[in-house]
PDB file of N, CA and C in Angstrom:
ATOM      1  N   MET A   1       0.867  -0.999  -0.140  1.00  0.00           N
ATOM      2  CA  MET A   1       0.038  -0.243  -0.043  1.00  0.00           C
ATOM      3  C   MET A   1       0.805   1.119  -0.227  1.00  0.00           C
ATOM      4  N   ALA A   2       0.346   2.317  -0.480  1.00  0.00           N
ATOM      5  CA  ALA A   2       1.181   3.461  -0.712  1.00  0.00           C
ATOM      6  C   ALA A   2       0.830   4.307   0.796  1.00  0.00           C
ATOM      7  N   GLN A   3       2.019   5.191   0.784  1.00  0.00           N
ATOM      8  CA  GLN A   3       1.941   6.037   1.793  1.00  0.00           C
ATOM      9  C   GLN A   3       1.622   7.673   1.306  1.00  0.00           C
ATOM     10  N   LEU A   4       1.029   8.335   2.349  1.00  0.00           N
ATOM     11  CA  LEU A   4       0.899   9.860   1.830  1.00  0.00           C
ATOM     12  C   LEU A   4       1.483  10.743   3.092  1.00  0.00           C
ATOM     13  N   LEU A   5       2.341  11.702   2.694  1.00  0.00           N
ATOM     14  CA  LEU A   5       2.544  12.650   3.660  1.00  0.00           C
ATOM     15  C   LEU A   5       1.753  14.001   3.571  1.00  0.00           C
ATOM     16  N   VAL A   6       1.247  14.722   4.477  1.00  0.00           N
ATOM     17  CA  VAL A   6       0.493  15.898   4.273  1.00  0.00           C
ATOM     18  C   VAL A   6       1.415  16.929   5.107  1.00  0.00           C
ATOM     19  N   ARG A   7       1.855  17.759   4.393  1.00  0.00           N
ATOM     20  CA  ARG A   7       2.465  18.902   4.904  1.00  0.00           C
ATOM     21  C   ARG A   7       1.721  20.248   5.228  1.00  0.00           C
ATOM     22  N   ASP A   8       1.926  20.878   6.300  1.00  0.00           N
ATOM     23  CA  ASP A   8       1.066  22.065   6.345  1.00  0.00           C
ATOM     24  C   ASP A   8      -0.480  21.857   6.657  1.00  0.00           C
ATOM     25  N   LEU A   9      -0.814  20.964   7.135  1.00  0.00           N
ATOM     26  CA  LEU A   9      -2.068  20.598   7.469  1.00  0.00           C
ATOM     27  C   LEU A   9      -2.612  21.595   8.414  1.00  0.00           C
ATOM     28  N   ASP A  10      -3.544  22.289   8.410  1.00  0.00           N
ATOM     29  CA  ASP A  10      -4.320  23.593   9.030  1.00  0.00           C
ATOM     30  C   ASP A  10      -4.801  22.747  10.329  1.00  0.00           C
ATOM     31  N   ASP A  11      -4.430  23.477  11.379  1.00  0.00           N
ATOM     32  CA  ASP A  11      -4.467  22.565  12.720  1.00  0.00           C
ATOM     33  C   ASP A  11      -6.112  22.228  12.942  1.00  0.00           C
ATOM     34  N   ASN A  12      -6.831  22.953  12.788  1.00  0.00           N
ATOM     35  CA  ASN A  12      -8.384  22.823  12.980  1.00  0.00           C
ATOM     36  C   ASN A  12      -8.812  21.394  12.016  1.00  0.00           C
ATOM     37  N   VAL A  13      -8.035  21.352  11.124  1.00  0.00           N
ATOM     38  CA  VAL A  13      -8.175  19.878  10.168  1.00  0.00           C
ATOM     39  C   VAL A  13      -7.750  18.643  10.855  1.00  0.00           C
ATOM     40  N   ARG A  14      -6.697  18.852  11.584  1.00  0.00           N
ATOM     41  CA  ARG A  14      -5.927  17.918  12.274  1.00  0.00           C
ATOM     42  C   ARG A  14      -6.694  17.733  13.438  1.00  0.00           C
ATOM     43  N   GLN A  15      -7.300  18.646  14.136  1.00  0.00           N
ATOM     44  CA  GLN A  15      -8.061  18.368  15.455  1.00  0.00           C
ATOM     45  C   GLN A  15      -9.446  17.687  15.122  1.00  0.00           C
ATOM     46  N   TRP A  16      -9.776  18.326  13.940  1.00  0.00           N
ATOM     47  CA  TRP A  16     -11.102  17.554  13.240  1.00  0.00           C
ATOM     48  C   TRP A  16     -11.237  16.173  13.098  1.00  0.00           C
ATOM     49  N   LEU A  17      -9.836  15.924  12.427  1.00  0.00           N
ATOM     50  CA  LEU A  17      -9.669  14.377  11.998  1.00  0.00           C
ATOM     51  C   LEU A  17      -9.462  13.658  13.505  1.00  0.00           C
ATOM     52  N   ARG A  18      -8.937  14.128  14.393  1.00  0.00           N
ATOM     53  CA  ARG A  18      -8.762  13.612  16.137  1.00  0.00           C
ATOM     54  C   ARG A  18      -9.847  13.361  16.448  1.00  0.00           C
ATOM     55  N   GLU A  19     -10.818  14.318  16.612  1.00  0.00           N
ATOM     56  CA  GLU A  19     -12.174  14.256  17.331  1.00  0.00           C
ATOM     57  C   GLU A  19     -13.195  13.284  16.236  1.00  0.00           C
ATOM     58  N   ARG A  20     -12.841  13.404  15.032  1.00  0.00           N
ATOM     59  CA  ARG A  20     -14.020  12.465  14.158  1.00  0.00           C
ATOM     60  C   ARG A  20     -13.427  10.985  14.454  1.00  0.00           C
ATOM     61  N   GLY A  21     -12.092  10.932  14.480  1.00  0.00           N
ATOM     62  CA  GLY A  21     -11.676   9.588  14.686  1.00  0.00           C
ATOM     63  C   GLY A  21     -12.103   8.991  16.298  1.00  0.00           C
ATOM     64  N   ALA A  22     -11.922   9.811  17.198  1.00  0.00           N
ATOM     65  CA  ALA A  22     -12.223   9.375  18.438  1.00  0.00           C
ATOM     66  C   ALA A  22     -13.665   8.959  18.502  1.00  0.00           C
ATOM     67  N   ARG A  23     -14.586   9.726  18.163  1.00  0.00           N
ATOM     68  CA  ARG A  23     -15.958   9.270  17.903  1.00  0.00           C
ATOM     69  C   ARG A  23     -16.165   7.869  17.171  1.00  0.00           C
ATOM     70  N   ASN A  24     -15.494   7.854  16.377  1.00  0.00           N
ATOM     71  CA  ASN A  24     -15.650   6.532  15.267  1.00  0.00           C
ATOM     72  C   ASN A  24     -14.638   5.111  15.899  1.00  0.00           C
ATOM     73  N   GLY A  25     -13.940   5.502  17.079  1.00  0.00           N
ATOM     74  CA  GLY A  25     -13.301   4.715  17.648  1.00  0.00           C
ATOM     75  C   GLY A  25     -12.022   4.212  16.756  1.00  0.00           C
ATOM     76  N   ARG A  26     -11.320   5.091  15.906  1.00  0.00           N
ATOM     77  CA  ARG A  26     -10.517   4.928  15.004  1.00  0.00           C
ATOM     78  C   ARG A  26      -9.173   6.081  15.603  1.00  0.00           C
ATOM     79  N   SER A  27      -7.752   5.940  14.937  1.00  0.00           N
ATOM     80  CA  SER A  27      -6.715   6.700  15.171  1.00  0.00           C
ATOM     81  C   SER A  27      -7.122   7.709  14.184  1.00  0.00           C
ATOM     82  N   MET A  28      -6.477   9.077  14.482  1.00  0.00           N
ATOM     83  CA  MET A  28      -6.609   9.874  13.480  1.00  0.00           C
ATOM     84  C   MET A  28      -5.828   9.338  11.812  1.00  0.00           C
ATOM     85  N   GLU A  29      -5.103   8.605  11.750  1.00  0.00           N
ATOM     86  CA  GLU A  29      -4.706   8.164  10.680  1.00  0.00           C
ATOM     87  C   GLU A  29      -5.578   7.195  10.089  1.00  0.00           C
ATOM     88  N   ALA A  30      -6.225   6.403  10.394  1.00  0.00           N
ATOM     89  CA  ALA A  30      -7.492   5.802  10.282  1.00  0.00           C
ATOM     90  C   ALA A  30      -8.496   6.704   9.651  1.00  0.00           C
ATOM     91  N   GLU A  31      -8.636   7.534  10.651  1.00  0.00           N
ATOM     92  CA  GLU A  31     -10.052   8.448  10.106  1.00  0.00           C
ATOM     93  C   GLU A  31      -9.423   9.290   8.622  1.00  0.00           C
ATOM     94  N   ALA A  32      -8.232   9.450   8.691  1.00  0.00           N
ATOM     95  CA  ALA A  32      -7.896  10.079   7.243  1.00  0.00           C
ATOM     96  C   ALA A  32      -8.116   9.250   6.129  1.00  0.00           C
ATOM     97  N   ARG A  33      -7.924   8.108   6.468  1.00  0.00           N
ATOM     98  CA  ARG A  33      -7.985   6.826   5.329  1.00  0.00           C
ATOM     99  C   ARG A  33      -9.467   6.757   5.139  1.00  0.00           C
ATOM    100  N   ASP A  34     -10.198   6.604   5.746  1.00  0.00           N
ATOM    101  CA  ASP A  34     -11.576   6.628   5.749  1.00  0.00           C
ATOM    102  C   ASP A  34     -12.220   7.884   5.001  1.00  0.00           C
ATOM    103  N   VAL A  35     -11.934   8.706   5.245  1.00  0.00           N
ATOM    104  CA  VAL A  35     -12.312  10.463   4.770  1.00  0.00           C
ATOM    105  C   VAL A  35     -11.887  10.206   3.213  1.00  0.00           C
ATOM    106  N   LEU A  36     -10.660   9.882   2.955  1.00  0.00           N
ATOM    107  CA  LEU A  36     -10.139   9.843   1.416  1.00  0.00           C
ATOM    108  C   LEU A  36     -10.916   8.752   0.701  1.00  0.00           C
ATOM    109  N   THR A  37     -11.143   7.484   1.439  1.00  0.00           N
ATOM    110  CA  THR A  37     -11.901   6.319   0.550  1.00  0.00           C
ATOM    111  C   THR A  37     -13.139   6.980   0.390  1.00  0.00           C
ATOM    112  N   ARG A  38     -13.623   7.654   1.274  1.00  0.00           N
ATOM    113  CA  ARG A  38     -15.284   7.552   1.231  1.00  0.00           C
ATOM    114  C   ARG A  38     -15.422   8.985  -0.146  1.00  0.00           C
ATOM    115  N   ALA A  39     -14.438   9.775  -0.066  1.00  0.00           N
ATOM    116  CA  ALA A  39     -14.189  11.010  -1.170  1.00  0.00           C
ATOM    117  C   ALA A  39     -14.195  10.252  -2.249  1.00  0.00           C
ATOM    118  N   ARG A  40     -13.275   9.031  -2.583  1.00  0.00           N
ATOM    119  CA  ARG A  40     -13.229   8.495  -3.877  1.00  0.00           C
ATOM    120  C   ARG A  40     -14.450   7.795  -4.188  1.00  0.00           C
ATOM    121  N   ARG A  41     -15.102   7.300  -3.495  1.00  0.00           N
ATOM    122  CA  ARG A  41     -16.577   6.528  -3.753  1.00  0.00           C
ATOM    123  C   ARG A  41     -17.489   7.662  -4.154  1.00  0.00           C
ATOM    124  N   THR A  42     -17.196   9.082  -4.115  1.00  0.00           N
ATOM    125  CA  THR A  42     -18.336   9.598  -4.570  1.00  0.00           C
ATOM    126  C   THR A  42     -17.466  10.900  -5.287  1.00  0.00           C
ATOM    127  N   ASP A  43     -16.693  10.384  -5.967  1.00  0.00           N
ATOM    128  CA  ASP A  43     -15.828  11.445  -7.317  1.00  0.00           C
ATOM    129  C   ASP A  43     -16.896  11.895  -8.220  1.00  0.00           C
ATOM    130  N   VAL A  44     -16.987  12.914  -8.355  1.00  0.00           N
ATOM    131  CA  VAL A  44     -17.696  13.740  -9.544  1.00  0.00           C
ATOM    132  C   VAL A  44     -17.646  13.102 -10.736  1.00  0.00           C
ATOM    133  N   GLU A  45     -16.103  12.502 -10.931  1.00  0.00           N
ATOM    134  CA  GLU A  45     -16.030  11.774 -12.319  1.00  0.00           C
ATOM    135  C   GLU A  45     -16.463  10.467 -12.306  1.00  0.00           C
ATOM    136  N   ASP A  46     -16.920   9.954 -11.469  1.00  0.00           N
ATOM    137  CA  ASP A  46     -17.544   8.605 -11.464  1.00  0.00           C
ATOM    138  C   ASP A  46     -19.043   8.668 -11.851  1.00  0.00           C
ATOM    139  N   PRO A  47     -19.654   7.908 -12.469  1.00  0.00           N
ATOM    140  CA  PRO A  47     -21.225   8.269 -12.649  1.00  0.00           C
ATOM    141  C   PRO A  47     -21.779   8.435 -11.459  1.00  0.00           C
ATOM    142  N   ILE A  48     -21.662   6.934 -10.548  1.00  0.00           N
ATOM    143  CA  ILE A  48     -22.455   7.045  -9.361  1.00  0.00           C
ATOM    144  C   ILE A  48     -22.116   8.353  -8.411  1.00  0.00           C
ATOM    145  N   GLY A  49     -20.591   8.601  -8.380  1.00  0.00           N
ATOM    146  CA  GLY A  49     -20.498   9.742  -7.812  1.00  0.00           C
ATOM    147  C   GLY A  49     -21.125  11.038  -7.933  1.00  0.00           C
ATOM    148  N   ARG A  50     -21.300  10.868  -9.490  1.00  0.00           N
ATOM    149  CA  ARG A  50     -22.041  12.451  -9.800  1.00  0.00           C
ATOM    150  C   ARG A  50     -23.716  12.261  -9.400  1.00  0.00           C
ATOM    151  N   ILE A  51     -24.275  10.983  -9.556  1.00  0.00           N
ATOM    152  CA  ILE A  51     -25.668  11.151  -8.805  1.00  0.00           C
ATOM    153  C   ILE A  51     -25.692  11.236  -7.302  1.00  0.00           C
ATOM    154  N   LEU A  52     -24.660  10.701  -6.638  1.00  0.00           N
ATOM    155  CA  LEU A  52     -24.784  10.805  -5.248  1.00  0.00           C
ATOM    156  C   LEU A  52     -24.624  12.326  -4.874  1.00  0.00           C
ATOM    157  N   THR A  53     -23.442  13.247  -5.618  1.00  0.00           N
ATOM    158  CA  THR A  53     -23.302  14.574  -5.372  1.00  0.00           C
ATOM    159  C   THR A  53     -24.329  15.113  -5.393  1.00  0.00           C
ATOM    160  N   SER A  54     -25.352  15.029  -6.702  1.00  0.00           N
ATOM    161  CA  SER A  54     -26.543  15.838  -6.972  1.00  0.00           C
ATOM    162  C   SER A  54     -27.475  15.619  -5.970  1.00  0.00           C
ATOM    163  N   MET A  55     -27.599  14.539  -5.033  1.00  0.00           N
ATOM    164  CA  MET A  55     -28.441  14.421  -3.970  1.00  0.00           C
ATOM    165  C   MET A  55     -27.937  15.068  -2.641  1.00  0.00           C
ATOM    166  N   GLN A  56     -26.782  15.451  -2.604  1.00  0.00           N
ATOM    167  CA  GLN A  56     -26.582  16.122  -1.439  1.00  0.00           C
ATOM    168  C   GLN A  56     -27.216  17.253  -1.082  1.00  0.00           C
ATOM    169  N   GLY A  57     -27.426  17.673   0.127  1.00  0.00           N
ATOM    170  CA  GLY A  57     -28.211  18.633   0.825  1.00  0.00           C
ATOM    171  C   GLY A  57     -29.923  18.612   0.328  1.00  0.00           C
ATOM    172  N   ARG A  58     -30.364  17.380  -0.204  1.00  0.00           N
ATOM    173  CA  ARG A  58     -31.592  17.058  -0.536  1.00  0.00           C
ATOM    174  C   ARG A  58     -32.338  16.137   0.325  1.00  0.00           C
ATOM    175  N   GLY A  59     -31.819  16.015   1.808  1.00  0.00           N
ATOM    176  CA  GLY A  59     -32.210  15.025   2.471  1.00  0.00           C
ATOM    177  C   GLY A  59     -31.901  13.446   2.523  1.00  0.00           C
ATOM    178  N   VAL A  60     -31.130  13.304   1.486  1.00  0.00           N
ATOM    179  CA  VAL A  60     -30.788  11.901   1.156  1.00  0.00           C
ATOM    180  C   VAL A  60     -29.247  11.717   1.909  1.00  0.00           C
ATOM    181  N   LYS A  61     -29.513  10.533   2.869  1.00  0.00           N
ATOM    182  CA  LYS A  61     -28.087  10.326   3.470  1.00  0.00           C
ATOM    183  C   LYS A  61     -27.799   8.974   2.850  1.00  0.00           C
ATOM    184  N   PRO A  62     -26.589   8.570   3.001  1.00  0.00           N
ATOM    185  CA  PRO A  62     -25.917   7.296   2.765  1.00  0.00           C
ATOM    186  C   PRO A  62     -26.226   6.292   3.794  1.00  0.00           C
ATOM    187  N   VAL A  63     -26.528   5.237   3.643  1.00  0.00           N
ATOM    188  CA  VAL A  63     -26.796   4.007   4.510  1.00  0.00           C
ATOM    189  C   VAL A  63     -25.821   2.889   4.148  1.00  0.00           C
ATOM    190  N   ASP A  64     -25.206   2.139   5.297  1.00  0.00           N
ATOM    191  CA  ASP A  64     -24.661   0.993   5.328  1.00  0.00           C
ATOM    192  C   ASP A  64     -25.539  -0.170   4.842  1.00  0.00           C
ATOM    193  N   VAL A  65     -25.306  -0.881   4.106  1.00  0.00           N
ATOM    194  CA  VAL A  65     -25.988  -2.050   3.593  1.00  0.00           C
ATOM    195  C   VAL A  65     -25.601  -3.296   4.007  1.00  0.00           C
ATOM    196  N   PRO A  66     -26.222  -4.114   4.651  1.00  0.00           N
ATOM    197  CA  PRO A  66     -25.491  -5.494   5.177  1.00  0.00           C
ATOM    198  C   PRO A  66     -25.010  -6.190   4.109  1.00  0.00           C
ATOM    199  N   ASP A  67     -24.179  -7.019   3.932  1.00  0.00           N
ATOM    200  CA  ASP A  67     -23.873  -8.160   3.010  1.00  0.00           C
ATOM    201  C   ASP A  67     -24.635  -9.212   3.184  1.00  0.00           C
ATOM    202  N   GLN A  68     -25.599  -9.249   2.060  1.00  0.00           N
ATOM    203  CA  GLN A  68     -26.470 -10.261   1.695  1.00  0.00           C
ATOM    204  C   GLN A  68     -26.114 -11.646   2.081  1.00  0.00           C
ATOM    205  N   LYS A  69     -24.942 -11.955   1.804  1.00  0.00           N
ATOM    206  CA  LYS A  69     -24.444 -13.277   1.651  1.00  0.00           C
ATOM    207  C   LYS A  69     -24.651 -14.188   3.101  1.00  0.00           C
ATOM    208  N   ASP A  70     -24.212 -13.035   4.076  1.00  0.00           N
ATOM    209  CA  ASP A  70     -24.433 -13.593   5.549  1.00  0.00           C
ATOM    210  C   ASP A  70     -25.687 -13.899   6.167  1.00  0.00           C
ATOM    211  N   HIS A  71     -26.641 -13.970   5.314  1.00  0.00           N
ATOM    212  CA  HIS A  71     -28.267 -14.060   5.944  1.00  0.00           C
ATOM    213  C   HIS A  71     -28.754 -15.286   5.261  1.00  0.00           C
ATOM    214  N   ASP A  72     -29.545 -15.945   5.705  1.00  0.00           N
ATOM    215  CA  ASP A  72     -30.478 -16.994   5.247  1.00  0.00           C
ATOM    216  C   ASP A  72     -31.748 -16.406   4.275  1.00  0.00           C
ATOM    217  N   ALA A  73     -32.050 -17.232   3.303  1.00  0.00           N
ATOM    218  CA  ALA A  73     -32.860 -16.322   2.248  1.00  0.00           C
ATOM    219  C   ALA A  73     -34.399 -16.732   3.104  1.00  0.00           C
ATOM    220  N   ALA A  74     -35.106 -15.783   2.575  1.00  0.00           N
ATOM    221  CA  ALA A  74     -36.349 -15.929   3.364  1.00  0.00           C
ATOM    222  C   ALA A  74     -37.195 -16.713   2.613  1.00  0.00           C
ATOM    223  N   SER A  75     -38.092 -17.053   3.681  1.00  0.00           N
ATOM    224  CA  SER A  75     -39.111 -18.189   3.090  1.00  0.00           C
ATOM    225  C   SER A  75     -40.584 -17.825   3.167  1.00  0.00           C
ATOM    226  N   PHE A  76     -41.140 -17.805   2.230  1.00  0.00           N
ATOM    227  CA  PHE A  76     -42.528 -17.512   1.820  1.00  0.00           C
ATOM    228  C   PHE A  76     -43.390 -18.486   1.857  1.00  0.00           C
ATOM    229  N   SER A  77     -43.388 -19.543   2.319  1.00  0.00           N
ATOM    230  CA  SER A  77     -44.243 -20.908   2.199  1.00  0.00           C
ATOM    231  C   SER A  77     -44.887 -20.892   3.561  1.00  0.00           C
TER     232      SER A  77
END
């Protein structure tokens, strides 16, 4: 995996990452990885990202969908 060094990071951003990481039970570094990963998922160059970006501010919030492989099939009989 690659490494990234960010120089001259604003103190407010560093504090925000630290606090957000603490709320999510992660280190500041792990939180920064999560923020960057989520940003990539909603990249406006990606067709799905464009759709998600257009929904921002309209009351639409992302949700985590559980992996369906971990559940038994429903029985309707």
